Amino acid sequence: MTPGEWSSRIKSLARGVGFDRAGVARAEAIGRRAYLRAWLDAGRAGSMAYLHRYFEQRTDPRALLPGARSVIVVALSYHQPNVETSGSEPRAPGDAPRGRIARYAWGLDYHRVMRKKLHHVADALRQEAGDRGIADVRTRVCVDTAPLIEREFAAAAGVGWIGKNTLVLHPDLGSYFFLGAIVTTLEIAPDPPAVDHCGACTRCLDACPTSAFPAAYQMDASRCTSYLTIEHRGEIPSGFDGVTGDWLFGCDVCQEVCPHNRDAAANREPDFAVRPPAPCVDLRDLLAWTEADYQRNLAGSAMKRATLDMLKRNARRIMATSTDAEAG
């Protein structure tokens, strides 16, 4: 098979396991390596010390998999347009205080879902290559936790462009989708890079409650509500009192206002169906959770990225803010 034929075949395999989009980029260093280095040096990763490690692997797939020639990038939608969680209705019947959960954590942990599908594609790729006499084709599956900046390769592979809120966007999928990658030593024809369709729109930048975007296409992660509620392990700095709203785990504000998400279709993945306690949690119940309750209620959920102590910290902040607002 030619590199172009391999490209068609890999996209067929990706569609076969349920991925919504697939593209291929060359395995080479990303163009924004210097920007990432400066971003880290400026402290914009906050307390996420792990982002400072494995810089070479994060920015060059050939350091992640010696001999790599291609990066296959896939997208899987998690969009749930029919479930309303508007911040204008933060309370349940009976006036129970609620905390919102970012859409990506409403279903089964995406790491499990994506990894299973990606391994299926990678295994089939190696098998077919072997059957055609191409020996020693190697692959490396990457799903968020591997040291690879998937969004850069998604843009290079034509899967979507990096928007002003630094998320990957696609004209049909919007931005509510997960990215995964397969780095391989097989030569596959690359796709044209994605074209930016953000235009003059600045809705995501204007809507951010914590001013996490110092400029278009730049994020100060240390100011992002998702970082503060999920990644930051200590107490949330007092400067953010009252601005993170009713977000218990993550934040979707910059996606909710994006025009490209307005008509995005619902996801087709059964594992992403809404699972309790999503999409909102009764904060009084959560504050009474024991460790056993935490393990039971969040079994199979990406919400376990945050510890029970962190979730209770976030719940107390929401309730305190709500109380202050009512008193005012």
Protein backbone atom coordinates (compact mmCIF):
# COMPACT_ATOMS: atom_id res chain seq x y z
CA MET A 1 0.00 0.00 0.00
CA THR A 2 1.12 3.53 -0.69
CA PRO A 3 1.25 6.16 2.09
CA GLY A 4 -1.97 7.61 0.65
CA GLU A 5 -3.68 4.23 0.75
CA TRP A 6 -2.60 3.79 4.35
CA SER A 7 -4.20 7.14 5.12
CA SER A 8 -7.52 5.98 3.72
CA ARG A 9 -7.27 2.69 5.53
CA ILE A 10 -6.50 4.23 8.91
CA LYS A 11 -9.47 6.57 8.61
CA SER A 12 -11.71 3.61 7.78
CA LEU A 13 -10.45 1.80 10.88
CA ALA A 14 -11.07 4.90 13.00
CA ARG A 15 -14.62 5.27 11.74
CA GLY A 16 -15.19 1.59 12.35
CA VAL A 17 -14.61 1.92 16.10
CA GLY A 18 -16.74 5.06 16.38
CA PHE A 19 -14.34 7.98 16.11
CA ASP A 20 -15.91 11.09 14.57
CA ARG A 21 -12.81 12.37 12.81
CA ALA A 22 -9.30 11.17 12.00
CA GLY A 23 -6.31 12.80 10.35
CA VAL A 24 -2.59 12.29 9.96
CA ALA A 25 0.35 14.60 10.64
CA ARG A 26 4.05 14.12 10.15
CA ALA A 27 5.98 13.02 13.22
CA GLU A 28 8.08 16.12 13.74
CA ALA A 29 8.63 18.80 16.34
CA ILE A 30 5.70 21.18 16.84
CA GLY A 31 6.08 24.68 15.48
CA ARG A 32 5.35 26.34 18.84
CA ARG A 33 8.07 24.72 20.93
CA ALA A 34 9.59 28.08 21.86
CA TYR A 35 6.15 29.40 22.86
CA LEU A 36 5.53 26.39 25.11
CA ARG A 37 8.94 26.81 26.75
CA ALA A 38 8.23 30.49 27.42
CA TRP A 39 4.71 29.61 28.66
CA LEU A 40 6.12 27.20 31.21
CA ASP A 41 8.89 29.59 32.26
CA ALA A 42 6.28 32.32 32.83
CA GLY A 43 4.49 30.11 35.39
CA ARG A 44 1.31 29.76 33.37
CA ALA A 45 1.10 26.05 34.17
CA GLY A 46 0.43 26.96 37.79
CA SER A 47 1.16 24.06 40.15
CA MET A 48 1.04 21.46 37.35
CA ALA A 49 4.69 20.51 37.76
CA TYR A 50 4.26 17.47 35.54
CA LEU A 51 3.98 19.73 32.50
CA HIS A 52 7.59 20.75 32.99
CA ARG A 53 8.73 17.14 32.62
CA TYR A 54 9.38 15.30 29.36
CA PHE A 55 9.55 18.49 27.32
CA GLU A 56 11.21 16.76 24.36
CA GLN A 57 8.58 14.01 24.25
CA ARG A 58 5.74 16.50 24.57
CA THR A 59 6.91 18.54 21.63
CA ASP A 60 8.47 15.92 19.34
CA PRO A 61 6.88 12.47 18.86
CA ARG A 62 10.20 11.10 17.64
CA ALA A 63 11.47 11.46 21.21
CA LEU A 64 8.38 9.59 22.42
CA LEU A 65 8.73 6.76 19.89
CA PRO A 66 12.15 6.46 18.19
CA GLY A 67 11.75 6.08 14.46
CA ALA A 68 8.27 7.65 14.43
CA ARG A 69 7.16 8.90 11.02
CA SER A 70 3.45 9.63 11.44
CA VAL A 71 0.96 10.80 14.07
CA ILE A 72 -2.64 9.64 13.66
CA VAL A 73 -5.04 11.98 15.49
CA VAL A 74 -8.67 11.12 16.23
CA ALA A 75 -11.63 13.02 17.67
CA LEU A 76 -14.58 11.62 19.62
CA SER A 77 -17.52 13.88 20.47
CA TYR A 78 -18.93 14.05 23.99
CA HIS A 79 -21.47 16.77 23.22
CA GLN A 80 -24.69 16.54 25.26
CA PRO A 81 -26.90 19.32 23.89
CA ASN A 82 -30.18 18.11 25.42
CA VAL A 83 -29.22 18.36 29.09
CA GLU A 84 -29.71 21.81 30.59
CA THR A 85 -27.33 22.95 33.33
CA SER A 86 -27.58 26.69 32.91
CA GLY A 87 -25.86 28.65 35.63
CA SER A 88 -29.01 30.76 35.80
CA GLU A 89 -30.65 27.78 37.54
CA PRO A 90 -27.99 26.62 40.01
CA ARG A 91 -30.40 25.23 42.58
CA ALA A 92 -32.48 22.08 42.66
CA PRO A 93 -36.10 21.90 43.82
CA GLY A 94 -36.20 22.55 47.52
CA ASP A 95 -33.48 25.16 47.16
CA ALA A 96 -30.68 22.60 47.48
CA PRO A 97 -27.37 24.20 46.42
CA ARG A 98 -25.91 22.62 43.30
CA GLY A 99 -22.43 22.38 41.83
CA ARG A 100 -21.99 22.03 38.07
CA ILE A 101 -19.82 19.41 36.40
CA ALA A 102 -18.05 20.06 33.08
CA ARG A 103 -19.62 18.10 30.23
CA TYR A 104 -16.54 15.99 29.56
CA ALA A 105 -17.05 14.23 32.91
CA TRP A 106 -20.76 13.42 32.52
CA GLY A 107 -20.17 9.91 31.17
CA LEU A 108 -17.67 7.12 31.64
CA ASP A 109 -14.06 8.21 32.06
CA TYR A 110 -12.92 9.14 28.56
CA HIS A 111 -9.45 7.67 29.15
CA ARG A 112 -10.99 4.19 29.23
CA VAL A 113 -13.19 4.75 26.19
CA MET A 114 -10.55 6.39 24.03
CA ARG A 115 -7.74 4.03 24.99
CA LYS A 116 -9.78 0.94 24.11
CA LYS A 117 -10.69 2.31 20.68
CA LEU A 118 -7.17 3.55 19.96
CA HIS A 119 -5.59 0.22 20.87
CA HIS A 120 -8.05 -1.52 18.54
CA VAL A 121 -6.97 0.75 15.67
CA ALA A 122 -3.27 0.43 16.51
CA ASP A 123 -3.48 -3.37 16.74
CA ALA A 124 -5.30 -3.58 13.39
CA LEU A 125 -2.71 -1.26 11.80
CA ARG A 126 0.21 -3.38 12.95
CA GLN A 127 -1.55 -6.59 11.91
CA GLU A 128 -2.29 -5.32 8.40
CA ALA A 129 1.23 -3.97 8.00
CA GLY A 130 2.64 -7.34 9.02
CA ASP A 131 0.33 -9.17 6.63
CA ARG A 132 1.69 -6.96 3.84
CA GLY A 133 5.28 -7.75 4.71
CA ILE A 134 6.12 -4.52 6.54
CA ALA A 135 8.06 -5.78 9.54
CA ASP A 136 8.41 -4.13 12.94
CA VAL A 137 5.76 -1.43 12.65
CA ARG A 138 5.58 0.10 16.11
CA THR A 139 2.86 2.25 17.67
CA ARG A 140 2.36 4.34 20.81
CA VAL A 141 -1.16 5.22 21.95
CA CYS A 142 -1.61 8.64 23.58
CA VAL A 143 -4.71 9.70 25.50
CA ASP A 144 -4.11 12.89 27.44
CA THR A 145 -1.87 11.25 30.06
CA ALA A 146 0.98 10.49 27.62
CA PRO A 147 3.53 13.31 27.17
CA LEU A 148 2.31 14.54 23.79
CA ILE A 149 0.54 17.80 22.97
CA GLU A 150 -2.33 16.30 20.99
CA ARG A 151 -3.93 19.62 20.06
CA GLU A 152 -0.89 20.73 18.08
CA PHE A 153 -0.96 17.55 16.03
CA ALA A 154 -4.75 17.72 15.68
CA ALA A 155 -4.34 21.09 13.97
CA ALA A 156 -1.50 19.80 11.81
CA ALA A 157 -3.57 16.74 10.85
CA GLY A 158 -6.61 18.79 9.83
CA VAL A 159 -8.81 17.44 12.63
CA GLY A 160 -9.52 20.97 13.83
CA TRP A 161 -7.95 24.36 14.38
CA ILE A 162 -6.75 25.71 17.72
CA GLY A 163 -9.25 28.37 18.69
CA LYS A 164 -8.80 31.60 20.59
CA ASN A 165 -9.64 29.73 23.81
CA THR A 166 -6.79 27.29 22.97
CA LEU A 167 -9.22 24.39 22.46
CA VAL A 168 -9.42 22.50 19.18
CA LEU A 169 -12.50 23.40 17.11
CA HIS A 170 -14.15 21.74 14.13
CA PRO A 171 -16.88 23.29 11.95
CA ASP A 172 -19.23 20.32 12.49
CA LEU A 173 -18.16 18.99 15.90
CA GLY A 174 -17.65 22.31 17.68
CA SER A 175 -15.22 21.84 20.56
CA TYR A 176 -16.91 19.25 22.77
CA PHE A 177 -14.71 16.35 21.71
CA PHE A 178 -11.80 14.34 23.03
CA LEU A 179 -8.51 13.95 21.22
CA GLY A 180 -6.35 10.86 21.01
CA ALA A 181 -3.27 9.98 19.02
CA ILE A 182 -1.33 7.02 17.71
CA VAL A 183 2.34 7.67 17.02
CA THR A 184 3.70 5.13 14.55
CA THR A 185 6.82 4.24 12.62
CA LEU A 186 4.69 3.58 9.52
CA GLU A 187 4.82 6.24 6.83
CA ILE A 188 1.30 7.55 6.21
CA ALA A 189 0.42 10.44 3.91
CA PRO A 190 -0.27 13.57 6.00
CA ASP A 191 -3.44 15.63 5.70
CA PRO A 192 -3.52 19.39 5.08
CA PRO A 193 -3.53 21.41 8.30
CA ALA A 194 -6.80 22.84 9.58
CA VAL A 195 -7.92 26.35 8.65
CA ASP A 196 -8.79 28.81 11.45
CA HIS A 197 -12.47 29.82 11.41
CA CYS A 198 -12.58 31.96 14.57
CA GLY A 199 -12.55 35.17 12.56
CA ALA A 200 -13.16 38.33 14.57
CA CYS A 201 -15.19 36.54 17.27
CA THR A 202 -14.00 37.03 20.86
CA ARG A 203 -16.96 35.56 22.76
CA CYS A 204 -14.86 32.94 24.55
CA LEU A 205 -12.31 35.52 25.67
CA ASP A 206 -14.96 37.97 26.85
CA ALA A 207 -16.98 35.35 28.75
CA CYS A 208 -14.17 33.86 30.84
CA PRO A 209 -15.05 34.65 34.46
CA THR A 210 -11.45 34.48 35.68
CA SER A 211 -9.77 36.39 32.82
CA ALA A 212 -7.67 33.34 31.99
CA PHE A 213 -6.88 34.54 28.44
CA PRO A 214 -4.19 37.23 28.39
CA ALA A 215 -4.60 37.35 24.61
CA ALA A 216 -6.30 35.41 21.83
CA TYR A 217 -4.82 31.90 21.44
CA GLN A 218 -3.13 32.17 24.83
CA MET A 219 -4.25 30.77 28.17
CA ASP A 220 -2.91 31.39 31.65
CA ALA A 221 -3.87 27.98 33.04
CA SER A 222 -3.17 29.14 36.59
CA ARG A 223 -6.27 31.38 36.30
CA CYS A 224 -8.60 28.86 34.62
CA THR A 225 -11.59 27.57 36.61
CA SER A 226 -10.92 24.04 35.35
CA TYR A 227 -7.38 24.22 36.71
CA LEU A 228 -8.50 25.73 40.01
CA THR A 229 -11.21 23.11 40.61
CA ILE A 230 -9.45 20.02 39.24
CA GLU A 231 -5.67 20.39 39.10
CA HIS A 232 -4.79 22.79 41.91
CA ARG A 233 -4.25 20.74 45.05
CA GLY A 234 -4.06 23.47 47.68
CA GLU A 235 -6.51 26.12 48.76
CA ILE A 236 -7.81 28.28 45.92
CA PRO A 237 -6.32 31.78 46.14
CA SER A 238 -8.69 34.32 47.67
CA GLY A 239 -8.43 36.49 44.56
CA PHE A 240 -10.81 34.10 42.84
CA ASP A 241 -13.57 34.38 45.44
CA GLY A 242 -16.95 34.74 43.80
CA VAL A 243 -15.75 34.48 40.19
CA THR A 244 -15.72 30.72 39.62
CA GLY A 245 -19.49 30.60 40.03
CA ASP A 246 -21.22 27.28 40.68
CA TRP A 247 -18.58 25.14 38.97
CA LEU A 248 -17.71 22.17 41.18
CA PHE A 249 -15.56 20.31 38.66
CA GLY A 250 -14.20 22.03 35.59
CA CYS A 251 -15.79 24.77 33.50
CA ASP A 252 -17.49 25.00 30.09
CA VAL A 253 -18.08 28.75 29.86
CA CYS A 254 -15.78 29.43 26.91
CA GLN A 255 -17.36 26.50 25.05
CA GLU A 256 -20.94 27.37 25.92
CA VAL A 257 -20.64 30.76 24.22
CA CYS A 258 -18.80 29.49 21.12
CA PRO A 259 -20.93 29.78 17.95
CA HIS A 260 -19.40 26.58 16.58
CA ASN A 261 -21.02 24.60 19.39
CA ARG A 262 -24.50 25.98 18.71
CA ASP A 263 -25.46 23.38 16.10
CA ALA A 264 -23.02 20.60 16.95
CA ALA A 265 -24.65 17.17 16.87
CA ALA A 266 -25.03 15.03 19.98
CA ASN A 267 -22.39 12.38 20.54
CA ARG A 268 -23.06 8.82 19.38
CA GLU A 269 -21.01 7.07 22.07
CA PRO A 270 -23.12 5.04 24.56
CA ASP A 271 -20.36 5.23 27.18
CA PHE A 272 -20.77 9.01 27.28
CA ALA A 273 -24.42 8.88 28.31
CA VAL A 274 -25.00 10.98 31.43
CA ARG A 275 -24.19 9.05 34.61
CA PRO A 276 -25.09 10.22 38.13
CA PRO A 277 -24.05 12.38 39.86
CA ALA A 278 -23.73 14.44 36.64
CA PRO A 279 -24.65 16.96 35.43
CA CYS A 280 -24.99 18.68 38.84
CA VAL A 281 -24.29 17.58 42.40
CA ASP A 282 -26.26 18.42 45.52
CA LEU A 283 -23.54 20.11 47.55
CA ARG A 284 -25.04 19.24 50.92
CA ASP A 285 -24.91 15.57 50.01
CA LEU A 286 -21.36 15.86 48.72
CA LEU A 287 -20.14 17.54 51.91
CA ALA A 288 -21.42 14.51 53.82
CA TRP A 289 -19.64 11.98 51.59
CA THR A 290 -17.20 9.57 53.16
CA GLU A 291 -14.29 8.13 51.21
CA ALA A 292 -16.46 5.07 50.54
CA ASP A 293 -19.22 7.34 49.17
CA TYR A 294 -16.68 9.07 46.93
CA GLN A 295 -15.43 5.77 45.54
CA ARG A 296 -18.96 4.46 44.98
CA ASN A 297 -20.50 7.59 43.49
CA LEU A 298 -17.59 8.33 41.16
CA ALA A 299 -16.69 4.79 40.09
CA GLY A 300 -15.62 4.95 36.44
CA SER A 301 -15.78 8.75 36.36
CA ALA A 302 -13.13 11.24 35.24
CA MET A 303 -14.16 13.27 38.30
CA LYS A 304 -11.79 11.14 40.35
CA ARG A 305 -9.04 13.36 39.01
CA ALA A 306 -10.05 15.56 41.96
CA THR A 307 -9.78 14.10 45.44
CA LEU A 308 -12.69 14.08 47.87
CA ASP A 309 -11.03 16.86 49.87
CA MET A 310 -10.76 18.97 46.71
CA LEU A 311 -14.41 18.45 45.80
CA LYS A 312 -15.46 19.44 49.31
CA ARG A 313 -13.20 22.49 49.09
CA ASN A 314 -14.95 23.48 45.84
CA ALA A 315 -18.39 22.80 47.33
CA ARG A 316 -17.70 25.03 50.33
CA ARG A 317 -16.60 27.86 48.03
CA ILE A 318 -19.78 27.63 45.96
CA MET A 319 -21.97 27.63 49.04
CA ALA A 320 -20.09 30.52 50.62
CA THR A 321 -20.39 32.54 47.42
CA SER A 322 -24.09 31.75 47.16
CA THR A 323 -24.65 32.77 50.77
CA ASP A 324 -22.76 36.04 50.30
CA ALA A 325 -24.79 36.82 47.16
CA GLU A 326 -28.07 36.21 48.98
CA ALA A 327 -26.97 38.32 51.95
CA GLY A 328 -26.06 41.15 49.60
